[in-house]
Amino acid sequence: MTIAHHDRRSRWSPASPGGPGPEERKGMSAPRRRQSRRNLLTALAFVGPLVGYLAVFYVYPLYRNLDLSLRDYTVRSFVQGDAPFSGLDNFRTVLDDPTFGPAMRHTMVFTFVSIAFQYVAGLALAVFFNRHFRLAPTLRALFLIPWLLPLIVSASTWSWMLNSESGVVNYGLHLVGAPSVDWLTSPQWALTSVIIANVWIGIPFNLVILYSGLQNIPAELYEAASLDGAGAWQQFRRITFPLLRPVSAITLLLGLVYTLKVFDLIWIMTKGGPGDASSTLATWSYQLGFGTLLPKFGPGAAVGNILILIALAFGLLYIRVQRRQEA
């Protein structure tokens, strides 16, 4: 009898996953029912703000963007809310547009070149600062400045530095006898210019994450490798890089998702020009939706959804690779 009573009380425990059922609640005392209700309200109080935040800032914008991409919106219909349903016509319009190919290519080049240089430079600096020396904390803090500056300040600074006539970069080239470069106004150099600025901004993020990962590698492994005669390069190849693989994967994924949607840096520096030389999917989406006298809200939203699908595909690929590594 005692054991059965104990089992019945454990099923009524508010900590059980399913909570007490209707039949069990009937047999509960009033204090236990109040305690169960209080626990439920407490859980809802903690979860409620998060659910509300996700609904307002994530679910609704995604739904609204999907709705825009599936309807024929004009300025009048956008205000009145009576846009007819057009299905996938906006996506067909975008894919048939001659701007789509260059914008997709620029997006891929901008993204992969940026994260490659950011990762390599961030890893090199993380390994360098992992050797504790006197000025390491001060120098590490200075390297965080590009990450802490407002993006509009960084973009404006690089626009001034790369100015064809009065920029400090061309002045430096002139001092060493090299010809000046039209960084922001030449189709050959516009995309390179925004990549350089984006790499400079993203290095501190890679430095911080990878440096944190290096702190979790036991020093005993390096000591044992040294006793076995392993040099610095062998220690990096056999110990540092393999053990940093999980941290590297999440760093590259976050950098990929962030870089895919970079808009303000490119828009401030080149506005996607000259022509479409530095136009990406993000800048093209803005130009379609807001950059003309007759905005095309539907195609602009369709381009945004394509960007979301690309980021989602890489996210799923990362999850699959991580599961395979864990297995």
C-alpha atoms as a PDB file:
ATOM      1  CA  MET A   1       0.000   0.000   0.000  1.00  0.00           C
ATOM      2  CA  THR A   2       2.825   2.379   0.861  1.00  0.00           C
ATOM      3  CA  ILE A   3       4.622   1.684  -2.415  1.00  0.00           C
ATOM      4  CA  ALA A   4       1.467   2.193  -4.465  1.00  0.00           C
ATOM      5  CA  HIS A   5       0.774   5.436  -2.627  1.00  0.00           C
ATOM      6  CA  HIS A   6       4.332   6.591  -3.323  1.00  0.00           C
ATOM      7  CA  ASP A   7       4.013   5.755  -7.026  1.00  0.00           C
ATOM      8  CA  ARG A   8       0.735   7.638  -7.271  1.00  0.00           C
ATOM      9  CA  ARG A   9       2.295  10.720  -5.651  1.00  0.00           C
ATOM     10  CA  SER A  10       5.288  10.602  -8.047  1.00  0.00           C
ATOM     11  CA  ARG A  11       2.919  10.621 -11.026  1.00  0.00           C
ATOM     12  CA  TRP A  12       1.224  13.703  -9.591  1.00  0.00           C
ATOM     13  CA  SER A  13       4.544  15.530  -9.130  1.00  0.00           C
ATOM     14  CA  PRO A  14       4.598  18.883 -10.941  1.00  0.00           C
ATOM     15  CA  ALA A  15       8.128  18.028 -12.081  1.00  0.00           C
ATOM     16  CA  SER A  16       6.851  15.143 -14.222  1.00  0.00           C
ATOM     17  CA  PRO A  17       7.025  15.934 -17.961  1.00  0.00           C
ATOM     18  CA  GLY A  18       3.354  15.613 -18.680  1.00  0.00           C
ATOM     19  CA  GLY A  19       2.050  17.030 -15.413  1.00  0.00           C
ATOM     20  CA  PRO A  20      -1.042  15.633 -13.663  1.00  0.00           C
ATOM     21  CA  GLY A  21      -3.844  14.514 -15.913  1.00  0.00           C
ATOM     22  CA  PRO A  22      -7.551  15.304 -15.406  1.00  0.00           C
ATOM     23  CA  GLU A  23      -8.210  12.105 -13.464  1.00  0.00           C
ATOM     24  CA  GLU A  24      -5.167  12.605 -11.259  1.00  0.00           C
ATOM     25  CA  ARG A  25      -6.061  16.241 -10.544  1.00  0.00           C
ATOM     26  CA  LYS A  26      -9.396  15.103  -9.132  1.00  0.00           C
ATOM     27  CA  GLY A  27      -7.590  13.110  -6.458  1.00  0.00           C
ATOM     28  CA  MET A  28      -5.188  15.907  -5.592  1.00  0.00           C
ATOM     29  CA  SER A  29      -5.631  18.019  -2.541  1.00  0.00           C
ATOM     30  CA  ALA A  30      -6.375  21.718  -2.901  1.00  0.00           C
ATOM     31  CA  PRO A  31      -2.843  22.818  -1.862  1.00  0.00           C
ATOM     32  CA  ARG A  32      -1.285  20.462  -4.428  1.00  0.00           C
ATOM     33  CA  ARG A  33      -3.600  21.747  -7.153  1.00  0.00           C
ATOM     34  CA  ARG A  34      -2.640  25.310  -6.305  1.00  0.00           C
ATOM     35  CA  GLN A  35       1.049  24.368  -6.345  1.00  0.00           C
ATOM     36  CA  SER A  36       0.659  22.665  -9.728  1.00  0.00           C
ATOM     37  CA  ARG A  37      -1.144  25.717 -11.138  1.00  0.00           C
ATOM     38  CA  ARG A  38       1.516  28.018  -9.708  1.00  0.00           C
ATOM     39  CA  ASN A  39       4.290  25.994 -11.317  1.00  0.00           C
ATOM     40  CA  LEU A  40       2.502  26.123 -14.648  1.00  0.00           C
ATOM     41  CA  LEU A  41       2.057  29.900 -14.442  1.00  0.00           C
ATOM     42  CA  THR A  42       5.716  30.307 -13.478  1.00  0.00           C
ATOM     43  CA  ALA A  43       6.823  28.293 -16.493  1.00  0.00           C
ATOM     44  CA  LEU A  44       4.561  30.346 -18.773  1.00  0.00           C
ATOM     45  CA  ALA A  45       5.930  33.563 -17.261  1.00  0.00           C
ATOM     46  CA  PHE A  46       9.464  32.542 -18.206  1.00  0.00           C
ATOM     47  CA  VAL A  47       8.597  31.184 -21.661  1.00  0.00           C
ATOM     48  CA  GLY A  48       6.049  33.861 -22.567  1.00  0.00           C
ATOM     49  CA  PRO A  49       8.460  36.774 -23.218  1.00  0.00           C
ATOM     50  CA  LEU A  50      10.669  34.576 -25.402  1.00  0.00           C
ATOM     51  CA  VAL A  51       7.704  33.300 -27.414  1.00  0.00           C
ATOM     52  CA  GLY A  52       6.405  36.866 -27.799  1.00  0.00           C
ATOM     53  CA  TYR A  53       9.809  38.127 -28.912  1.00  0.00           C
ATOM     54  CA  LEU A  54      10.195  35.357 -31.493  1.00  0.00           C
ATOM     55  CA  ALA A  55       6.664  35.905 -32.788  1.00  0.00           C
ATOM     56  CA  VAL A  56       7.050  39.672 -33.193  1.00  0.00           C
ATOM     57  CA  PHE A  57      10.609  39.888 -34.513  1.00  0.00           C
ATOM     58  CA  TYR A  58      11.006  36.569 -36.376  1.00  0.00           C
ATOM     59  CA  VAL A  59       7.781  34.752 -37.190  1.00  0.00           C
ATOM     60  CA  TYR A  60       5.753  37.767 -38.335  1.00  0.00           C
ATOM     61  CA  PRO A  61       8.538  39.319 -40.501  1.00  0.00           C
ATOM     62  CA  LEU A  62       9.150  35.947 -42.159  1.00  0.00           C
ATOM     63  CA  TYR A  63       5.433  35.496 -42.779  1.00  0.00           C
ATOM     64  CA  ARG A  64       5.125  39.044 -44.091  1.00  0.00           C
ATOM     65  CA  ASN A  65       8.086  38.645 -46.412  1.00  0.00           C
ATOM     66  CA  LEU A  66       6.672  35.353 -47.745  1.00  0.00           C
ATOM     67  CA  ASP A  67       3.296  36.999 -48.283  1.00  0.00           C
ATOM     68  CA  LEU A  68       4.920  39.876 -50.184  1.00  0.00           C
ATOM     69  CA  SER A  69       6.766  37.453 -52.453  1.00  0.00           C
ATOM     70  CA  LEU A  70       3.568  35.569 -53.349  1.00  0.00           C
ATOM     71  CA  ARG A  71       1.428  38.598 -54.213  1.00  0.00           C
ATOM     72  CA  ASP A  72       1.448  41.361 -56.824  1.00  0.00           C
ATOM     73  CA  TYR A  73       2.023  44.368 -54.602  1.00  0.00           C
ATOM     74  CA  THR A  74       2.090  47.959 -55.803  1.00  0.00           C
ATOM     75  CA  VAL A  75       2.214  51.102 -53.700  1.00  0.00           C
ATOM     76  CA  ARG A  76      -1.584  51.377 -53.780  1.00  0.00           C
ATOM     77  CA  SER A  77      -2.231  47.729 -53.000  1.00  0.00           C
ATOM     78  CA  PHE A  78       0.465  47.774 -50.312  1.00  0.00           C
ATOM     79  CA  VAL A  79      -1.401  50.570 -48.505  1.00  0.00           C
ATOM     80  CA  GLN A  80      -4.878  49.144 -49.069  1.00  0.00           C
ATOM     81  CA  GLY A  81      -3.840  45.518 -48.548  1.00  0.00           C
ATOM     82  CA  ASP A  82      -5.734  44.125 -51.565  1.00  0.00           C
ATOM     83  CA  ALA A  83      -2.845  42.710 -53.619  1.00  0.00           C
ATOM     84  CA  PRO A  84      -3.885  39.723 -55.772  1.00  0.00           C
ATOM     85  CA  PHE A  85      -2.214  36.360 -55.239  1.00  0.00           C
ATOM     86  CA  SER A  86       0.410  35.705 -57.934  1.00  0.00           C
ATOM     87  CA  GLY A  87       2.018  32.456 -56.766  1.00  0.00           C
ATOM     88  CA  LEU A  88       5.603  32.019 -57.895  1.00  0.00           C
ATOM     89  CA  ASP A  89       5.471  34.746 -60.553  1.00  0.00           C
ATOM     90  CA  ASN A  90       7.735  37.040 -58.533  1.00  0.00           C
ATOM     91  CA  PHE A  91      10.343  34.291 -58.220  1.00  0.00           C
ATOM     92  CA  ARG A  92      10.191  33.649 -61.981  1.00  0.00           C
ATOM     93  CA  THR A  93      10.610  37.374 -62.610  1.00  0.00           C
ATOM     94  CA  VAL A  94      13.678  37.467 -60.388  1.00  0.00           C
ATOM     95  CA  LEU A  95      15.286  34.348 -61.868  1.00  0.00           C
ATOM     96  CA  ASP A  96      14.718  35.614 -65.435  1.00  0.00           C
ATOM     97  CA  ASP A  97      16.158  39.044 -64.658  1.00  0.00           C
ATOM     98  CA  PRO A  98      19.661  39.532 -66.166  1.00  0.00           C
ATOM     99  CA  THR A  99      20.769  41.073 -62.869  1.00  0.00           C
ATOM    100  CA  PHE A 100      20.213  37.830 -60.955  1.00  0.00           C
ATOM    101  CA  GLY A 101      23.267  35.998 -62.309  1.00  0.00           C
ATOM    102  CA  PRO A 102      25.828  38.732 -61.508  1.00  0.00           C
ATOM    103  CA  ALA A 103      24.205  39.444 -58.133  1.00  0.00           C
ATOM    104  CA  MET A 104      24.351  35.761 -57.161  1.00  0.00           C
ATOM    105  CA  ARG A 105      27.955  35.484 -58.330  1.00  0.00           C
ATOM    106  CA  HIS A 106      28.988  38.633 -56.439  1.00  0.00           C
ATOM    107  CA  THR A 107      27.218  37.347 -53.333  1.00  0.00           C
ATOM    108  CA  MET A 108      29.102  34.049 -53.425  1.00  0.00           C
ATOM    109  CA  VAL A 109      32.472  35.699 -54.130  1.00  0.00           C
ATOM    110  CA  PHE A 110      31.931  38.345 -51.448  1.00  0.00           C
ATOM    111  CA  THR A 111      30.824  35.729 -48.897  1.00  0.00           C
ATOM    112  CA  PHE A 112      33.404  32.988 -49.406  1.00  0.00           C
ATOM    113  CA  VAL A 113      36.421  35.243 -49.968  1.00  0.00           C
ATOM    114  CA  SER A 114      35.493  37.301 -46.909  1.00  0.00           C
ATOM    115  CA  ILE A 115      35.039  34.390 -44.515  1.00  0.00           C
ATOM    116  CA  ALA A 116      38.168  32.649 -45.844  1.00  0.00           C
ATOM    117  CA  PHE A 117      40.418  35.642 -45.157  1.00  0.00           C
ATOM    118  CA  GLN A 118      38.636  36.435 -41.888  1.00  0.00           C
ATOM    119  CA  TYR A 119      39.133  32.893 -40.641  1.00  0.00           C
ATOM    120  CA  VAL A 120      42.779  32.576 -41.693  1.00  0.00           C
ATOM    121  CA  ALA A 121      43.726  35.966 -40.225  1.00  0.00           C
ATOM    122  CA  GLY A 122      41.671  35.367 -37.072  1.00  0.00           C
ATOM    123  CA  LEU A 123      43.241  31.932 -36.551  1.00  0.00           C
ATOM    124  CA  ALA A 124      46.758  33.292 -37.055  1.00  0.00           C
ATOM    125  CA  LEU A 125      46.147  36.062 -34.526  1.00  0.00           C
ATOM    126  CA  ALA A 126      44.516  33.655 -32.054  1.00  0.00           C
ATOM    127  CA  VAL A 127      47.546  31.347 -32.189  1.00  0.00           C
ATOM    128  CA  PHE A 128      49.838  34.362 -31.832  1.00  0.00           C
ATOM    129  CA  PHE A 129      48.027  35.696 -28.761  1.00  0.00           C
ATOM    130  CA  ASN A 130      47.820  32.223 -27.259  1.00  0.00           C
ATOM    131  CA  ARG A 131      51.515  32.622 -26.469  1.00  0.00           C
ATOM    132  CA  HIS A 132      51.140  34.715 -23.330  1.00  0.00           C
ATOM    133  CA  PHE A 133      53.434  37.734 -23.347  1.00  0.00           C
ATOM    134  CA  ARG A 134      53.382  41.074 -21.622  1.00  0.00           C
ATOM    135  CA  LEU A 135      51.374  43.212 -24.063  1.00  0.00           C
ATOM    136  CA  ALA A 136      49.050  40.426 -25.273  1.00  0.00           C
ATOM    137  CA  PRO A 137      45.893  41.648 -23.431  1.00  0.00           C
ATOM    138  CA  THR A 138      46.400  45.243 -24.611  1.00  0.00           C
ATOM    139  CA  LEU A 139      47.012  44.278 -28.236  1.00  0.00           C
ATOM    140  CA  ARG A 140      44.099  41.858 -28.183  1.00  0.00           C
ATOM    141  CA  ALA A 141      41.825  44.628 -26.962  1.00  0.00           C
ATOM    142  CA  LEU A 142      43.036  46.939 -29.753  1.00  0.00           C
ATOM    143  CA  PHE A 143      42.193  44.305 -32.350  1.00  0.00           C
ATOM    144  CA  LEU A 144      38.582  44.376 -31.136  1.00  0.00           C
ATOM    145  CA  ILE A 145      38.107  48.009 -32.195  1.00  0.00           C
ATOM    146  CA  PRO A 146      36.870  47.205 -35.760  1.00  0.00           C
ATOM    147  CA  TRP A 147      34.237  44.895 -34.265  1.00  0.00           C
ATOM    148  CA  LEU A 148      33.079  47.491 -31.717  1.00  0.00           C
ATOM    149  CA  LEU A 149      32.780  50.435 -34.115  1.00  0.00           C
ATOM    150  CA  PRO A 150      29.348  51.175 -35.608  1.00  0.00           C
ATOM    151  CA  LEU A 151      29.220  49.754 -39.113  1.00  0.00           C
ATOM    152  CA  ILE A 152      28.353  53.118 -40.632  1.00  0.00           C
ATOM    153  CA  VAL A 153      31.547  54.559 -39.147  1.00  0.00           C
ATOM    154  CA  SER A 154      33.677  51.714 -40.502  1.00  0.00           C
ATOM    155  CA  ALA A 155      32.109  51.944 -43.970  1.00  0.00           C
ATOM    156  CA  SER A 156      32.510  55.731 -44.097  1.00  0.00           C
ATOM    157  CA  THR A 157      36.141  55.448 -42.970  1.00  0.00           C
ATOM    158  CA  TRP A 158      36.959  52.915 -45.666  1.00  0.00           C
ATOM    159  CA  SER A 159      35.169  55.051 -48.256  1.00  0.00           C
ATOM    160  CA  TRP A 160      37.473  57.933 -47.322  1.00  0.00           C
ATOM    161  CA  MET A 161      40.596  55.761 -47.260  1.00  0.00           C
ATOM    162  CA  LEU A 162      39.845  54.263 -50.695  1.00  0.00           C
ATOM    163  CA  ASN A 163      38.816  57.541 -52.295  1.00  0.00           C
ATOM    164  CA  SER A 164      40.416  57.821 -55.736  1.00  0.00           C
ATOM    165  CA  GLU A 165      41.560  61.438 -55.333  1.00  0.00           C
ATOM    166  CA  SER A 166      42.115  62.088 -51.633  1.00  0.00           C
ATOM    167  CA  GLY A 167      42.305  58.593 -50.114  1.00  0.00           C
ATOM    168  CA  VAL A 168      45.189  57.619 -47.894  1.00  0.00           C
ATOM    169  CA  VAL A 169      45.608  54.274 -49.709  1.00  0.00           C
ATOM    170  CA  ASN A 170      46.289  55.909 -53.073  1.00  0.00           C
ATOM    171  CA  TYR A 171      48.572  58.387 -51.334  1.00  0.00           C
ATOM    172  CA  GLY A 172      50.593  55.465 -49.971  1.00  0.00           C
ATOM    173  CA  LEU A 173      50.738  53.906 -53.435  1.00  0.00           C
ATOM    174  CA  HIS A 174      51.982  57.230 -54.811  1.00  0.00           C
ATOM    175  CA  LEU A 175      54.787  57.324 -52.217  1.00  0.00           C
ATOM    176  CA  VAL A 176      56.141  53.946 -53.368  1.00  0.00           C
ATOM    177  CA  GLY A 177      55.800  54.837 -57.053  1.00  0.00           C
ATOM    178  CA  ALA A 178      52.765  52.652 -57.762  1.00  0.00           C
ATOM    179  CA  PRO A 179      49.874  53.953 -59.874  1.00  0.00           C
ATOM    180  CA  SER A 180      46.647  55.071 -58.239  1.00  0.00           C
ATOM    181  CA  VAL A 181      43.633  52.749 -58.246  1.00  0.00           C
ATOM    182  CA  ASP A 182      39.988  53.724 -58.676  1.00  0.00           C
ATOM    183  CA  TRP A 183      38.920  51.508 -55.799  1.00  0.00           C
ATOM    184  CA  LEU A 184      35.250  52.481 -55.538  1.00  0.00           C
ATOM    185  CA  THR A 185      34.519  53.733 -59.052  1.00  0.00           C
ATOM    186  CA  SER A 186      36.148  51.018 -61.161  1.00  0.00           C
ATOM    187  CA  PRO A 187      34.141  47.877 -62.037  1.00  0.00           C
ATOM    188  CA  GLN A 188      37.311  45.811 -61.629  1.00  0.00           C
ATOM    189  CA  TRP A 189      38.008  47.004 -58.076  1.00  0.00           C
ATOM    190  CA  ALA A 190      34.627  47.872 -56.492  1.00  0.00           C
ATOM    191  CA  LEU A 191      33.849  44.355 -55.253  1.00  0.00           C
ATOM    192  CA  THR A 192      37.432  43.910 -54.042  1.00  0.00           C
ATOM    193  CA  SER A 193      37.151  47.152 -52.067  1.00  0.00           C
ATOM    194  CA  VAL A 194      34.067  46.078 -50.133  1.00  0.00           C
ATOM    195  CA  ILE A 195      35.623  42.649 -49.514  1.00  0.00           C
ATOM    196  CA  ILE A 196      38.713  44.295 -47.998  1.00  0.00           C
ATOM    197  CA  ALA A 197      36.552  46.398 -45.692  1.00  0.00           C
ATOM    198  CA  ASN A 198      34.408  43.418 -44.686  1.00  0.00           C
ATOM    199  CA  VAL A 199      37.465  41.273 -43.934  1.00  0.00           C
ATOM    200  CA  TRP A 200      38.842  44.020 -41.692  1.00  0.00           C
ATOM    201  CA  ILE A 201      35.542  44.192 -39.795  1.00  0.00           C
ATOM    202  CA  GLY A 202      35.170  40.413 -39.395  1.00  0.00           C
ATOM    203  CA  ILE A 203      38.673  39.465 -38.228  1.00  0.00           C
ATOM    204  CA  PRO A 204      38.060  40.413 -34.546  1.00  0.00           C
ATOM    205  CA  PHE A 205      35.019  38.106 -34.329  1.00  0.00           C
ATOM    206  CA  ASN A 206      37.062  35.154 -35.592  1.00  0.00           C
ATOM    207  CA  LEU A 207      39.903  36.109 -33.256  1.00  0.00           C
ATOM    208  CA  VAL A 208      37.679  36.114 -30.165  1.00  0.00           C
ATOM    209  CA  ILE A 209      35.915  32.813 -30.913  1.00  0.00           C
ATOM    210  CA  LEU A 210      39.038  30.924 -31.993  1.00  0.00           C
ATOM    211  CA  TYR A 211      41.093  32.300 -29.097  1.00  0.00           C
ATOM    212  CA  SER A 212      38.423  31.028 -26.692  1.00  0.00           C
ATOM    213  CA  GLY A 213      38.635  27.627 -28.370  1.00  0.00           C
ATOM    214  CA  LEU A 214      42.410  27.557 -27.935  1.00  0.00           C
ATOM    215  CA  GLN A 215      42.015  28.111 -24.199  1.00  0.00           C
ATOM    216  CA  ASN A 216      40.145  24.802 -23.941  1.00  0.00           C
ATOM    217  CA  ILE A 217      42.984  22.741 -25.451  1.00  0.00           C
ATOM    218  CA  PRO A 218      44.971  21.116 -22.593  1.00  0.00           C
ATOM    219  CA  ALA A 219      48.554  22.360 -22.335  1.00  0.00           C
ATOM    220  CA  GLU A 220      49.659  18.815 -21.499  1.00  0.00           C
ATOM    221  CA  LEU A 221      49.115  17.808 -25.132  1.00  0.00           C
ATOM    222  CA  TYR A 222      51.647  20.382 -26.329  1.00  0.00           C
ATOM    223  CA  GLU A 223      54.096  19.358 -23.623  1.00  0.00           C
ATOM    224  CA  ALA A 224      53.849  15.702 -24.633  1.00  0.00           C
ATOM    225  CA  ALA A 225      54.251  16.623 -28.299  1.00  0.00           C
ATOM    226  CA  SER A 226      57.366  18.659 -27.486  1.00  0.00           C
ATOM    227  CA  LEU A 227      58.873  15.722 -25.610  1.00  0.00           C
ATOM    228  CA  ASP A 228      58.242  13.566 -28.679  1.00  0.00           C
ATOM    229  CA  GLY A 229      60.145  16.059 -30.825  1.00  0.00           C
ATOM    230  CA  ALA A 230      57.184  17.712 -32.579  1.00  0.00           C
ATOM    231  CA  GLY A 231      57.875  21.202 -33.903  1.00  0.00           C
ATOM    232  CA  ALA A 232      55.532  24.207 -33.899  1.00  0.00           C
ATOM    233  CA  TRP A 233      54.028  23.351 -37.298  1.00  0.00           C
ATOM    234  CA  GLN A 234      53.503  19.706 -36.361  1.00  0.00           C
ATOM    235  CA  GLN A 235      51.834  20.713 -33.101  1.00  0.00           C
ATOM    236  CA  PHE A 236      49.500  23.036 -35.005  1.00  0.00           C
ATOM    237  CA  ARG A 237      48.678  20.412 -37.642  1.00  0.00           C
ATOM    238  CA  ARG A 238      48.289  17.471 -35.246  1.00  0.00           C
ATOM    239  CA  ILE A 239      46.823  19.143 -32.142  1.00  0.00           C
ATOM    240  CA  THR A 240      45.597  22.718 -32.590  1.00  0.00           C
ATOM    241  CA  PHE A 241      43.741  22.509 -35.878  1.00  0.00           C
ATOM    242  CA  PRO A 242      41.978  19.133 -35.260  1.00  0.00           C
ATOM    243  CA  LEU A 243      40.829  20.115 -31.758  1.00  0.00           C
ATOM    244  CA  LEU A 244      39.620  23.494 -33.045  1.00  0.00           C
ATOM    245  CA  ARG A 245      37.443  21.848 -35.686  1.00  0.00           C
ATOM    246  CA  PRO A 246      34.109  22.173 -33.787  1.00  0.00           C
ATOM    247  CA  VAL A 247      34.829  25.808 -32.902  1.00  0.00           C
ATOM    248  CA  SER A 248      35.986  26.492 -36.466  1.00  0.00           C
ATOM    249  CA  ALA A 249      32.783  25.005 -37.883  1.00  0.00           C
ATOM    250  CA  ILE A 250      30.474  27.234 -35.848  1.00  0.00           C
ATOM    251  CA  THR A 251      32.693  30.259 -36.515  1.00  0.00           C
ATOM    252  CA  LEU A 252      32.555  29.697 -40.271  1.00  0.00           C
ATOM    253  CA  LEU A 253      28.797  29.074 -40.194  1.00  0.00           C
ATOM    254  CA  LEU A 254      28.079  32.263 -38.250  1.00  0.00           C
ATOM    255  CA  GLY A 255      30.390  34.197 -40.536  1.00  0.00           C
ATOM    256  CA  LEU A 256      28.663  32.730 -43.571  1.00  0.00           C
ATOM    257  CA  VAL A 257      25.158  33.621 -42.392  1.00  0.00           C
ATOM    258  CA  TYR A 258      26.230  37.135 -41.384  1.00  0.00           C
ATOM    259  CA  THR A 259      28.172  37.832 -44.592  1.00  0.00           C
ATOM    260  CA  LEU A 260      25.366  36.628 -46.855  1.00  0.00           C
ATOM    261  CA  LYS A 261      23.127  39.411 -45.592  1.00  0.00           C
ATOM    262  CA  VAL A 262      25.669  42.256 -45.476  1.00  0.00           C
ATOM    263  CA  PHE A 263      23.953  45.294 -46.933  1.00  0.00           C
ATOM    264  CA  ASP A 264      24.890  48.527 -45.179  1.00  0.00           C
ATOM    265  CA  LEU A 265      28.643  48.213 -45.758  1.00  0.00           C
ATOM    266  CA  ILE A 266      28.229  47.730 -49.517  1.00  0.00           C
ATOM    267  CA  TRP A 267      25.499  50.331 -49.817  1.00  0.00           C
ATOM    268  CA  ILE A 268      27.496  53.037 -48.030  1.00  0.00           C
ATOM    269  CA  MET A 269      30.702  52.346 -49.968  1.00  0.00           C
ATOM    270  CA  THR A 270      29.490  51.662 -53.522  1.00  0.00           C
ATOM    271  CA  LYS A 271      25.669  51.364 -53.536  1.00  0.00           C
ATOM    272  CA  GLY A 272      26.213  48.176 -55.533  1.00  0.00           C
ATOM    273  CA  GLY A 273      27.998  50.069 -58.312  1.00  0.00           C
ATOM    274  CA  PRO A 274      29.449  51.205 -60.499  1.00  0.00           C
ATOM    275  CA  GLY A 275      26.653  49.727 -62.542  1.00  0.00           C
ATOM    276  CA  ASP A 276      26.137  46.309 -60.942  1.00  0.00           C
ATOM    277  CA  ALA A 277      29.836  45.621 -60.344  1.00  0.00           C
ATOM    278  CA  SER A 278      29.430  45.164 -56.572  1.00  0.00           C
ATOM    279  CA  SER A 279      25.714  44.400 -56.413  1.00  0.00           C
ATOM    280  CA  THR A 280      24.763  41.421 -54.219  1.00  0.00           C
ATOM    281  CA  LEU A 281      21.426  39.785 -53.517  1.00  0.00           C
ATOM    282  CA  ALA A 282      21.026  41.936 -50.409  1.00  0.00           C
ATOM    283  CA  THR A 283      21.596  45.254 -52.211  1.00  0.00           C
ATOM    284  CA  TRP A 284      19.539  44.137 -55.209  1.00  0.00           C
ATOM    285  CA  SER A 285      16.627  43.224 -52.935  1.00  0.00           C
ATOM    286  CA  TYR A 286      16.731  46.727 -51.447  1.00  0.00           C
ATOM    287  CA  GLN A 287      16.956  48.353 -54.874  1.00  0.00           C
ATOM    288  CA  LEU A 288      13.926  46.413 -56.086  1.00  0.00           C
ATOM    289  CA  GLY A 289      11.824  47.235 -53.049  1.00  0.00           C
ATOM    290  CA  PHE A 290      12.872  50.789 -52.225  1.00  0.00           C
ATOM    291  CA  GLY A 291      15.438  52.066 -54.721  1.00  0.00           C
ATOM    292  CA  THR A 292      13.131  53.074 -57.581  1.00  0.00           C
ATOM    293  CA  LEU A 293      10.215  55.427 -58.088  1.00  0.00           C
ATOM    294  CA  LEU A 294       7.985  52.405 -58.773  1.00  0.00           C
ATOM    295  CA  PRO A 295       9.049  49.906 -56.098  1.00  0.00           C
ATOM    296  CA  LYS A 296       8.698  46.214 -56.812  1.00  0.00           C
ATOM    297  CA  PHE A 297       7.862  44.847 -53.383  1.00  0.00           C
ATOM    298  CA  GLY A 298       7.092  41.320 -54.592  1.00  0.00           C
ATOM    299  CA  PRO A 299      10.353  40.668 -56.492  1.00  0.00           C
ATOM    300  CA  GLY A 300      12.332  42.365 -53.730  1.00  0.00           C
ATOM    301  CA  ALA A 301      10.790  40.051 -51.137  1.00  0.00           C
ATOM    302  CA  ALA A 302      11.435  37.073 -53.427  1.00  0.00           C
ATOM    303  CA  VAL A 303      15.158  37.903 -53.518  1.00  0.00           C
ATOM    304  CA  GLY A 304      15.112  38.130 -49.717  1.00  0.00           C
ATOM    305  CA  ASN A 305      13.527  34.689 -49.483  1.00  0.00           C
ATOM    306  CA  ILE A 306      16.189  33.265 -51.801  1.00  0.00           C
ATOM    307  CA  LEU A 307      18.812  34.582 -49.397  1.00  0.00           C
ATOM    308  CA  ILE A 308      16.979  32.927 -46.498  1.00  0.00           C
ATOM    309  CA  LEU A 309      16.891  29.604 -48.354  1.00  0.00           C
ATOM    310  CA  ILE A 310      20.629  29.799 -49.084  1.00  0.00           C
ATOM    311  CA  ALA A 311      21.423  30.475 -45.420  1.00  0.00           C
ATOM    312  CA  LEU A 312      19.051  27.676 -44.352  1.00  0.00           C
ATOM    313  CA  ALA A 313      20.731  25.226 -46.750  1.00  0.00           C
ATOM    314  CA  PHE A 314      24.160  25.966 -45.302  1.00  0.00           C
ATOM    315  CA  GLY A 315      22.762  25.692 -41.774  1.00  0.00           C
ATOM    316  CA  LEU A 316      21.331  22.233 -42.491  1.00  0.00           C
ATOM    317  CA  LEU A 317      24.622  21.214 -44.103  1.00  0.00           C
ATOM    318  CA  TYR A 318      26.468  22.281 -40.949  1.00  0.00           C
ATOM    319  CA  ILE A 319      24.110  20.247 -38.731  1.00  0.00           C
ATOM    320  CA  ARG A 320      24.603  17.179 -40.923  1.00  0.00           C
ATOM    321  CA  VAL A 321      28.398  17.506 -40.826  1.00  0.00           C
ATOM    322  CA  GLN A 322      28.354  17.958 -37.050  1.00  0.00           C
ATOM    323  CA  ARG A 323      26.217  14.865 -36.540  1.00  0.00           C
ATOM    324  CA  ARG A 324      28.508  12.847 -38.785  1.00  0.00           C
ATOM    325  CA  GLN A 325      31.552  14.016 -36.794  1.00  0.00           C
ATOM    326  CA  GLU A 326      29.874  13.140 -33.497  1.00  0.00           C
ATOM    327  CA  ALA A 327      28.947   9.690 -34.827  1.00  0.00           C
END
